[in-house]
PDB file of N, CA and C in Angstrom:
ATOM      1  N   UNK A   1      48.290 -56.493  43.034  1.00  0.00           N
ATOM      2  CA  UNK A   1      46.977 -56.147  43.556  1.00  0.00           C
ATOM      3  C   UNK A   1      46.279 -55.146  42.640  1.00  0.00           C
ATOM      4  N   UNK A   2      46.990 -54.105  42.239  1.00  0.00           N
ATOM      5  CA  UNK A   2      46.411 -53.104  41.348  1.00  0.00           C
ATOM      6  C   UNK A   2      45.996 -53.739  40.032  1.00  0.00           C
ATOM      7  N   UNK A   3      46.876 -54.560  39.472  1.00  0.00           N
ATOM      8  CA  UNK A   3      46.560 -55.200  38.199  1.00  0.00           C
ATOM      9  C   UNK A   3      45.323 -56.076  38.333  1.00  0.00           C
ATOM     10  N   UNK A   4      45.223 -56.789  39.422  1.00  0.00           N
ATOM     11  CA  UNK A   4      44.079 -57.685  39.616  1.00  0.00           C
ATOM     12  C   UNK A   4      42.774 -56.912  39.689  1.00  0.00           C
ATOM     13  N   UNK A   5      42.757 -55.790  40.423  1.00  0.00           N
ATOM     14  CA  UNK A   5      41.506 -55.040  40.532  1.00  0.00           C
ATOM     15  C   UNK A   5      41.141 -54.371  39.213  1.00  0.00           C
ATOM     16  N   UNK A   6      42.138 -53.829  38.493  1.00  0.00           N
ATOM     17  CA  UNK A   6      41.857 -53.230  37.183  1.00  0.00           C
ATOM     18  C   UNK A   6      41.332 -54.278  36.219  1.00  0.00           C
ATOM     19  N   UNK A   7      41.986 -55.415  36.202  1.00  0.00           N
ATOM     20  CA  UNK A   7      41.596 -56.494  35.304  1.00  0.00           C
ATOM     21  C   UNK A   7      40.195 -56.985  35.642  1.00  0.00           C
ATOM     22  N   UNK A   8      39.916 -57.161  36.914  1.00  0.00           N
ATOM     23  CA  UNK A   8      38.613 -57.643  37.353  1.00  0.00           C
ATOM     24  C   UNK A   8      37.515 -56.681  36.917  1.00  0.00           C
ATOM     25  N   UNK A   9      37.707 -55.385  37.191  1.00  0.00           N
ATOM     26  CA  UNK A   9      36.679 -54.392  36.860  1.00  0.00           C
ATOM     27  C   UNK A   9      36.439 -54.287  35.359  1.00  0.00           C
ATOM     28  N   UNK A  10      37.492 -54.303  34.570  1.00  0.00           N
ATOM     29  CA  UNK A  10      37.300 -54.164  33.131  1.00  0.00           C
ATOM     30  C   UNK A  10      36.743 -55.445  32.514  1.00  0.00           C
ATOM     31  N   UNK A  11      37.136 -56.602  33.026  1.00  0.00           N
ATOM     32  CA  UNK A  11      36.586 -57.855  32.502  1.00  0.00           C
ATOM     33  C   UNK A  11      35.110 -57.993  32.829  1.00  0.00           C
ATOM     34  N   UNK A  12      34.727 -57.580  34.037  1.00  0.00           N
ATOM     35  CA  UNK A  12      33.317 -57.643  34.414  1.00  0.00           C
ATOM     36  C   UNK A  12      32.491 -56.780  33.464  1.00  0.00           C
ATOM     37  N   UNK A  13      32.944 -55.550  33.229  1.00  0.00           N
ATOM     38  CA  UNK A  13      32.223 -54.651  32.323  1.00  0.00           C
ATOM     39  C   UNK A  13      32.155 -55.205  30.911  1.00  0.00           C
ATOM     40  N   UNK A  14      33.274 -55.736  30.432  1.00  0.00           N
ATOM     41  CA  UNK A  14      33.308 -56.291  29.076  1.00  0.00           C
ATOM     42  C   UNK A  14      32.398 -57.509  28.966  1.00  0.00           C
ATOM     43  N   UNK A  15      32.432 -58.378  29.953  1.00  0.00           N
ATOM     44  CA  UNK A  15      31.587 -59.572  29.910  1.00  0.00           C
ATOM     45  C   UNK A  15      30.108 -59.210  29.933  1.00  0.00           C
ATOM     46  N   UNK A  16      29.760 -58.198  30.729  1.00  0.00           N
ATOM     47  CA  UNK A  16      28.358 -57.781  30.779  1.00  0.00           C
ATOM     48  C   UNK A  16      27.907 -57.235  29.430  1.00  0.00           C
ATOM     49  N   UNK A  17      28.748 -56.416  28.813  1.00  0.00           N
ATOM     50  CA  UNK A  17      28.369 -55.845  27.525  1.00  0.00           C
ATOM     51  C   UNK A  17      28.315 -56.905  26.434  1.00  0.00           C
ATOM     52  N   UNK A  18      29.250 -57.833  26.440  1.00  0.00           N
ATOM     53  CA  UNK A  18      29.311 -58.836  25.374  1.00  0.00           C
ATOM     54  C   UNK A  18      28.262 -59.935  25.519  1.00  0.00           C
ATOM     55  N   UNK A  19      27.764 -60.173  26.728  1.00  0.00           N
ATOM     56  CA  UNK A  19      26.841 -61.290  26.934  1.00  0.00           C
ATOM     57  C   UNK A  19      25.370 -60.872  26.915  1.00  0.00           C
ATOM     58  N   UNK A  20      25.101 -59.612  26.715  1.00  0.00           N
ATOM     59  CA  UNK A  20      23.703 -59.169  26.658  1.00  0.00           C
ATOM     60  C   UNK A  20      23.033 -59.650  25.378  1.00  0.00           C
ATOM     61  N   UNK A  21      21.715 -59.748  25.423  1.00  0.00           N
ATOM     62  CA  UNK A  21      20.964 -60.103  24.217  1.00  0.00           C
ATOM     63  C   UNK A  21      21.048 -58.990  23.184  1.00  0.00           C
ATOM     64  N   UNK A  22      20.968 -57.765  23.688  1.00  0.00           N
ATOM     65  CA  UNK A  22      21.055 -56.602  22.813  1.00  0.00           C
ATOM     66  C   UNK A  22      22.528 -56.216  22.710  1.00  0.00           C
ATOM     67  N   UNK A  23      23.058 -56.117  21.509  1.00  0.00           N
ATOM     68  CA  UNK A  23      24.471 -55.748  21.393  1.00  0.00           C
ATOM     69  C   UNK A  23      24.710 -54.354  21.965  1.00  0.00           C
ATOM     70  N   UNK A  24      25.911 -54.106  22.452  1.00  0.00           N
ATOM     71  CA  UNK A  24      26.187 -52.792  23.030  1.00  0.00           C
ATOM     72  C   UNK A  24      26.045 -51.683  22.000  1.00  0.00           C
ATOM     73  N   UNK A  25      25.525 -50.559  22.467  1.00  0.00           N
ATOM     74  CA  UNK A  25      25.377 -49.391  21.607  1.00  0.00           C
ATOM     75  C   UNK A  25      26.749 -48.779  21.362  1.00  0.00           C
ATOM     76  N   UNK A  26      26.846 -47.984  20.324  1.00  0.00           N
ATOM     77  CA  UNK A  26      28.121 -47.335  19.988  1.00  0.00           C
ATOM     78  C   UNK A  26      28.621 -46.481  21.151  1.00  0.00           C
ATOM     79  N   UNK A  27      27.711 -45.799  21.828  1.00  0.00           N
ATOM     80  CA  UNK A  27      28.122 -44.949  22.957  1.00  0.00           C
ATOM     81  C   UNK A  27      28.679 -45.788  24.106  1.00  0.00           C
ATOM     82  N   UNK A  28      28.101 -46.977  24.331  1.00  0.00           N
ATOM     83  CA  UNK A  28      28.608 -47.871  25.381  1.00  0.00           C
ATOM     84  C   UNK A  28      29.991 -48.398  25.013  1.00  0.00           C
ATOM     85  N   UNK A  29      30.163 -48.724  23.744  1.00  0.00           N
ATOM     86  CA  UNK A  29      31.477 -49.196  23.291  1.00  0.00           C
ATOM     87  C   UNK A  29      32.534 -48.109  23.476  1.00  0.00           C
ATOM     88  N   UNK A  30      32.187 -46.874  23.084  1.00  0.00           N
ATOM     89  CA  UNK A  30      33.130 -45.760  23.243  1.00  0.00           C
ATOM     90  C   UNK A  30      33.460 -45.519  24.710  1.00  0.00           C
ATOM     91  N   UNK A  31      32.434 -45.571  25.561  1.00  0.00           N
ATOM     92  CA  UNK A  31      32.650 -45.354  26.998  1.00  0.00           C
ATOM     93  C   UNK A  31      33.532 -46.454  27.581  1.00  0.00           C
ATOM     94  N   UNK A  32      33.274 -47.693  27.179  1.00  0.00           N
ATOM     95  CA  UNK A  32      34.092 -48.799  27.670  1.00  0.00           C
ATOM     96  C   UNK A  32      35.529 -48.651  27.202  1.00  0.00           C
ATOM     97  N   UNK A  33      35.721 -48.371  25.912  1.00  0.00           N
ATOM     98  CA  UNK A  33      37.080 -48.212  25.381  1.00  0.00           C
ATOM     99  C   UNK A  33      37.815 -47.070  26.074  1.00  0.00           C
ATOM    100  N   UNK A  34      37.103 -45.983  26.377  1.00  0.00           N
ATOM    101  CA  UNK A  34      37.723 -44.858  27.084  1.00  0.00           C
ATOM    102  C   UNK A  34      38.110 -45.266  28.499  1.00  0.00           C
ATOM    103  N   UNK A  35      37.245 -46.023  29.170  1.00  0.00           N
ATOM    104  CA  UNK A  35      37.550 -46.479  30.529  1.00  0.00           C
ATOM    105  C   UNK A  35      38.762 -47.403  30.541  1.00  0.00           C
ATOM    106  N   UNK A  36      38.841 -48.295  29.566  1.00  0.00           N
ATOM    107  CA  UNK A  36      39.995 -49.198  29.482  1.00  0.00           C
ATOM    108  C   UNK A  36      41.258 -48.394  29.211  1.00  0.00           C
ATOM    109  N   UNK A  37      41.171 -47.397  28.328  1.00  0.00           N
ATOM    110  CA  UNK A  37      42.327 -46.552  28.042  1.00  0.00           C
ATOM    111  C   UNK A  37      42.822 -45.828  29.289  1.00  0.00           C
ATOM    112  N   UNK A  38      41.881 -45.316  30.083  1.00  0.00           N
ATOM    113  CA  UNK A  38      42.260 -44.640  31.330  1.00  0.00           C
ATOM    114  C   UNK A  38      42.878 -45.622  32.317  1.00  0.00           C
ATOM    115  N   UNK A  39      42.316 -46.827  32.398  1.00  0.00           N
ATOM    116  CA  UNK A  39      42.855 -47.836  33.313  1.00  0.00           C
ATOM    117  C   UNK A  39      44.271 -48.228  32.901  1.00  0.00           C
ATOM    118  N   UNK A  40      44.506 -48.367  31.600  1.00  0.00           N
ATOM    119  CA  UNK A  40      45.846 -48.718  31.117  1.00  0.00           C
ATOM    120  C   UNK A  40      46.827 -47.604  31.441  1.00  0.00           C
ATOM    121  N   UNK A  41      46.435 -46.359  31.210  1.00  0.00           N
ATOM    122  CA  UNK A  41      47.320 -45.227  31.507  1.00  0.00           C
ATOM    123  C   UNK A  41      47.630 -45.145  32.999  1.00  0.00           C
ATOM    124  N   UNK A  42      46.621 -45.362  33.820  1.00  0.00           N
ATOM    125  CA  UNK A  42      46.815 -45.330  35.267  1.00  0.00           C
ATOM    126  C   UNK A  42      47.736 -46.464  35.722  1.00  0.00           C
ATOM    127  N   UNK A  43      47.526 -47.644  35.166  1.00  0.00           N
ATOM    128  CA  UNK A  43      48.349 -48.813  35.505  1.00  0.00           C
ATOM    129  C   UNK A  43      49.802 -48.582  35.117  1.00  0.00           C
ATOM    130  N   UNK A  44      50.017 -48.064  33.916  1.00  0.00           N
ATOM    131  CA  UNK A  44      51.376 -47.797  33.458  1.00  0.00           C
ATOM    132  C   UNK A  44      52.052 -46.742  34.332  1.00  0.00           C
ATOM    133  N   UNK A  45      51.335 -45.677  34.681  1.00  0.00           N
ATOM    134  CA  UNK A  45      51.894 -44.625  35.532  1.00  0.00           C
ATOM    135  C   UNK A  45      52.262 -45.189  36.903  1.00  0.00           C
ATOM    136  N   UNK A  46      51.371 -46.008  37.459  1.00  0.00           N
ATOM    137  CA  UNK A  46      51.632 -46.602  38.769  1.00  0.00           C
ATOM    138  C   UNK A  46      52.869 -47.496  38.732  1.00  0.00           C
ATOM    139  N   UNK A  47      53.007 -48.310  37.692  1.00  0.00           N
ATOM    140  CA  UNK A  47      54.180 -49.178  37.583  1.00  0.00           C
ATOM    141  C   UNK A  47      55.465 -48.363  37.456  1.00  0.00           C
ATOM    142  N   UNK A  48      55.425 -47.290  36.669  1.00  0.00           N
ATOM    143  CA  UNK A  48      56.614 -46.444  36.515  1.00  0.00           C
ATOM    144  C   UNK A  48      56.967 -45.744  37.831  1.00  0.00           C
ATOM    145  N   UNK A  49      55.958 -45.300  38.566  1.00  0.00           N
ATOM    146  CA  UNK A  49      56.207 -44.705  39.882  1.00  0.00           C
ATOM    147  C   UNK A  49      56.830 -45.719  40.839  1.00  0.00           C
ATOM    148  N   UNK A  50      56.308 -46.932  40.814  1.00  0.00           N
ATOM    149  CA  UNK A  50      56.875 -47.979  41.662  1.00  0.00           C
ATOM    150  C   UNK A  50      58.321 -48.288  41.274  1.00  0.00           C
ATOM    151  N   UNK A  51      58.605 -48.309  39.975  1.00  0.00           N
ATOM    152  CA  UNK A  51      59.977 -48.562  39.534  1.00  0.00           C
ATOM    153  C   UNK A  51      60.925 -47.468  40.013  1.00  0.00           C
ATOM    154  N   UNK A  52      60.471 -46.214  40.020  1.00  0.00           N
ATOM    155  CA  UNK A  52      61.303 -45.124  40.546  1.00  0.00           C
ATOM    156  C   UNK A  52      61.590 -45.333  42.029  1.00  0.00           C
ATOM    157  N   UNK A  53      60.576 -45.748  42.765  1.00  0.00           N
ATOM    158  CA  UNK A  53      60.760 -45.994  44.198  1.00  0.00           C
ATOM    159  C   UNK A  53      61.677 -47.193  44.434  1.00  0.00           C
ATOM    160  N   UNK A  54      61.557 -48.197  43.606  1.00  0.00           N
ATOM    161  CA  UNK A  54      62.440 -49.362  43.718  1.00  0.00           C
ATOM    162  C   UNK A  54      63.873 -48.955  43.439  1.00  0.00           C
ATOM    163  N   UNK A  55      64.076 -48.119  42.429  1.00  0.00           N
ATOM    164  CA  UNK A  55      65.420 -47.643  42.118  1.00  0.00           C
ATOM    165  C   UNK A  55      65.999 -46.877  43.299  1.00  0.00           C
ATOM    166  N   UNK A  56      65.202 -45.996  43.885  1.00  0.00           N
ATOM    167  CA  UNK A  56      65.661 -45.240  45.057  1.00  0.00           C
ATOM    168  C   UNK A  56      66.006 -46.181  46.201  1.00  0.00           C
ATOM    169  N   UNK A  57      65.166 -47.167  46.438  1.00  0.00           N
ATOM    170  CA  UNK A  57      65.440 -48.153  47.487  1.00  0.00           C
ATOM    171  C   UNK A  57      66.736 -48.898  47.202  1.00  0.00           C
ATOM    172  N   UNK A  58      66.918 -49.309  45.962  1.00  0.00           N
ATOM    173  CA  UNK A  58      68.113 -50.073  45.593  1.00  0.00           C
ATOM    174  C   UNK A  58      69.392 -49.252  45.747  1.00  0.00           C
ATOM    175  N   UNK A  59      69.287 -47.942  45.576  1.00  0.00           N
ATOM    176  CA  UNK A  59      70.458 -47.077  45.752  1.00  0.00           C
ATOM    177  C   UNK A  59      70.814 -46.905  47.224  1.00  0.00           C
ATOM    178  N   UNK A  60      69.846 -47.059  48.104  1.00  0.00           N
ATOM    179  CA  UNK A  60      70.072 -46.814  49.529  1.00  0.00           C
ATOM    180  C   UNK A  60      70.347 -48.078  50.338  1.00  0.00           C
ATOM    181  N   UNK A  61      70.094 -49.235  49.761  1.00  0.00           N
ATOM    182  CA  UNK A  61      70.225 -50.468  50.534  1.00  0.00           C
ATOM    183  C   UNK A  61      71.359 -51.331  49.992  1.00  0.00           C
ATOM    184  N   UNK A  62      71.847 -52.268  50.815  1.00  0.00           N
ATOM    185  CA  UNK A  62      72.879 -53.193  50.332  1.00  0.00           C
ATOM    186  C   UNK A  62      72.305 -54.122  49.249  1.00  0.00           C
ATOM    187  N   UNK A  63      73.177 -54.633  48.409  1.00  0.00           N
ATOM    188  CA  UNK A  63      72.712 -55.479  47.283  1.00  0.00           C
ATOM    189  C   UNK A  63      71.810 -56.646  47.681  1.00  0.00           C
ATOM    190  N   UNK A  64      72.015 -57.193  48.838  1.00  0.00           N
ATOM    191  CA  UNK A  64      71.204 -58.338  49.238  1.00  0.00           C
ATOM    192  C   UNK A  64      69.727 -57.946  49.434  1.00  0.00           C
ATOM    193  N   UNK A  65      69.450 -56.676  49.623  1.00  0.00           N
ATOM    194  CA  UNK A  65      68.080 -56.208  49.843  1.00  0.00           C
ATOM    195  C   UNK A  65      67.456 -55.591  48.590  1.00  0.00           C
ATOM    196  N   UNK A  66      68.137 -55.629  47.473  1.00  0.00           N
ATOM    197  CA  UNK A  66      67.619 -55.012  46.248  1.00  0.00           C
ATOM    198  C   UNK A  66      66.372 -55.726  45.746  1.00  0.00           C
ATOM    199  N   UNK A  67      65.493 -54.942  45.169  1.00  0.00           N
ATOM    200  CA  UNK A  67      64.266 -55.451  44.575  1.00  0.00           C
ATOM    201  C   UNK A  67      64.362 -55.347  43.054  1.00  0.00           C
ATOM    202  N   UNK A  68      63.722 -56.235  42.371  1.00  0.00           N
ATOM    203  CA  UNK A  68      63.698 -56.187  40.902  1.00  0.00           C
ATOM    204  C   UNK A  68      62.612 -55.231  40.445  1.00  0.00           C
ATOM    205  N   UNK A  69      62.909 -54.395  39.454  1.00  0.00           N
ATOM    206  CA  UNK A  69      61.857 -53.509  38.935  1.00  0.00           C
ATOM    207  C   UNK A  69      60.860 -54.293  38.094  1.00  0.00           C
ATOM    208  N   UNK A  70      59.704 -53.698  37.910  1.00  0.00           N
ATOM    209  CA  UNK A  70      58.667 -54.302  37.080  1.00  0.00           C
ATOM    210  C   UNK A  70      58.990 -54.077  35.605  1.00  0.00           C
ATOM    211  N   UNK A  71      58.632 -55.037  34.784  1.00  0.00           N
ATOM    212  CA  UNK A  71      58.744 -54.880  33.338  1.00  0.00           C
ATOM    213  C   UNK A  71      57.451 -54.210  32.874  1.00  0.00           C
ATOM    214  N   UNK A  72      57.489 -52.891  32.784  1.00  0.00           N
ATOM    215  CA  UNK A  72      56.286 -52.104  32.527  1.00  0.00           C
ATOM    216  C   UNK A  72      55.657 -52.468  31.185  1.00  0.00           C
ATOM    217  N   UNK A  73      56.452 -52.501  30.134  1.00  0.00           N
ATOM    218  CA  UNK A  73      55.897 -52.771  28.805  1.00  0.00           C
ATOM    219  C   UNK A  73      55.224 -54.138  28.747  1.00  0.00           C
ATOM    220  N   UNK A  74      55.864 -55.131  29.333  1.00  0.00           N
ATOM    221  CA  UNK A  74      55.313 -56.485  29.317  1.00  0.00           C
ATOM    222  C   UNK A  74      54.001 -56.543  30.115  1.00  0.00           C
ATOM    223  N   UNK A  75      53.985 -55.902  31.266  1.00  0.00           N
ATOM    224  CA  UNK A  75      52.784 -55.910  32.103  1.00  0.00           C
ATOM    225  C   UNK A  75      51.627 -55.176  31.434  1.00  0.00           C
ATOM    226  N   UNK A  76      51.910 -54.038  30.828  1.00  0.00           N
ATOM    227  CA  UNK A  76      50.863 -53.273  30.152  1.00  0.00           C
ATOM    228  C   UNK A  76      50.342 -54.055  28.939  1.00  0.00           C
ATOM    229  N   UNK A  77      51.229 -54.676  28.202  1.00  0.00           N
ATOM    230  CA  UNK A  77      50.806 -55.475  27.041  1.00  0.00           C
ATOM    231  C   UNK A  77      49.940 -56.649  27.485  1.00  0.00           C
ATOM    232  N   UNK A  78      50.300 -57.280  28.584  1.00  0.00           N
ATOM    233  CA  UNK A  78      49.516 -58.394  29.112  1.00  0.00           C
ATOM    234  C   UNK A  78      48.113 -57.908  29.498  1.00  0.00           C
ATOM    235  N   UNK A  79      48.058 -56.720  30.104  1.00  0.00           N
ATOM    236  CA  UNK A  79      46.767 -56.137  30.474  1.00  0.00           C
ATOM    237  C   UNK A  79      45.939 -55.840  29.230  1.00  0.00           C
ATOM    238  N   UNK A  80      46.558 -55.261  28.193  1.00  0.00           N
ATOM    239  CA  UNK A  80      45.846 -54.960  26.951  1.00  0.00           C
ATOM    240  C   UNK A  80      45.267 -56.223  26.318  1.00  0.00           C
ATOM    241  N   UNK A  81      46.038 -57.295  26.325  1.00  0.00           N
ATOM    242  CA  UNK A  81      45.591 -58.552  25.720  1.00  0.00           C
ATOM    243  C   UNK A  81      44.444 -59.181  26.511  1.00  0.00           C
ATOM    244  N   UNK A  82      44.460 -58.992  27.824  1.00  0.00           N
ATOM    245  CA  UNK A  82      43.433 -59.612  28.643  1.00  0.00           C
ATOM    246  C   UNK A  82      42.108 -58.856  28.607  1.00  0.00           C
ATOM    247  N   UNK A  83      42.137 -57.640  28.095  1.00  0.00           N
ATOM    248  CA  UNK A  83      40.917 -56.829  28.052  1.00  0.00           C
ATOM    249  C   UNK A  83      40.811 -56.141  26.690  1.00  0.00           C
ATOM    250  N   UNK A  84      40.367 -56.859  25.678  1.00  0.00           N
ATOM    251  CA  UNK A  84      40.309 -56.283  24.331  1.00  0.00           C
ATOM    252  C   UNK A  84      39.258 -55.183  24.227  1.00  0.00           C
ATOM    253  N   UNK A  85      39.545 -54.228  23.378  1.00  0.00           N
ATOM    254  CA  UNK A  85      38.629 -53.116  23.148  1.00  0.00           C
ATOM    255  C   UNK A  85      37.551 -53.528  22.153  1.00  0.00           C
ATOM    256  N   UNK A  86      36.447 -52.800  22.164  1.00  0.00           N
ATOM    257  CA  UNK A  86      35.415 -52.997  21.154  1.00  0.00           C
ATOM    258  C   UNK A  86      35.844 -52.308  19.866  1.00  0.00           C
ATOM    259  N   UNK A  87      35.404 -52.852  18.747  1.00  0.00           N
ATOM    260  CA  UNK A  87      35.714 -52.236  17.448  1.00  0.00           C
ATOM    261  C   UNK A  87      34.839 -51.041  17.201  1.00  0.00           C
TER     262      UNK A  87
END
């Protein structure tokens, strides 16, 4: 859910900037890149927090109830690829 909302918001912003008749100004590009950077950092932190909670859950429950942790690096890389930064 978190990934979907982050991806949706950043893609909408990127599509709006890229599809305008007037190319985005340098300040808009910097602001967008900063927003994407913050979203990536927030997403990575959230995934790591969830993995800690999953680990705690797995230590307290029988093996049949264990949950798989998220692959943080893979998920963050997928997010980066889906929302490229401006040059």
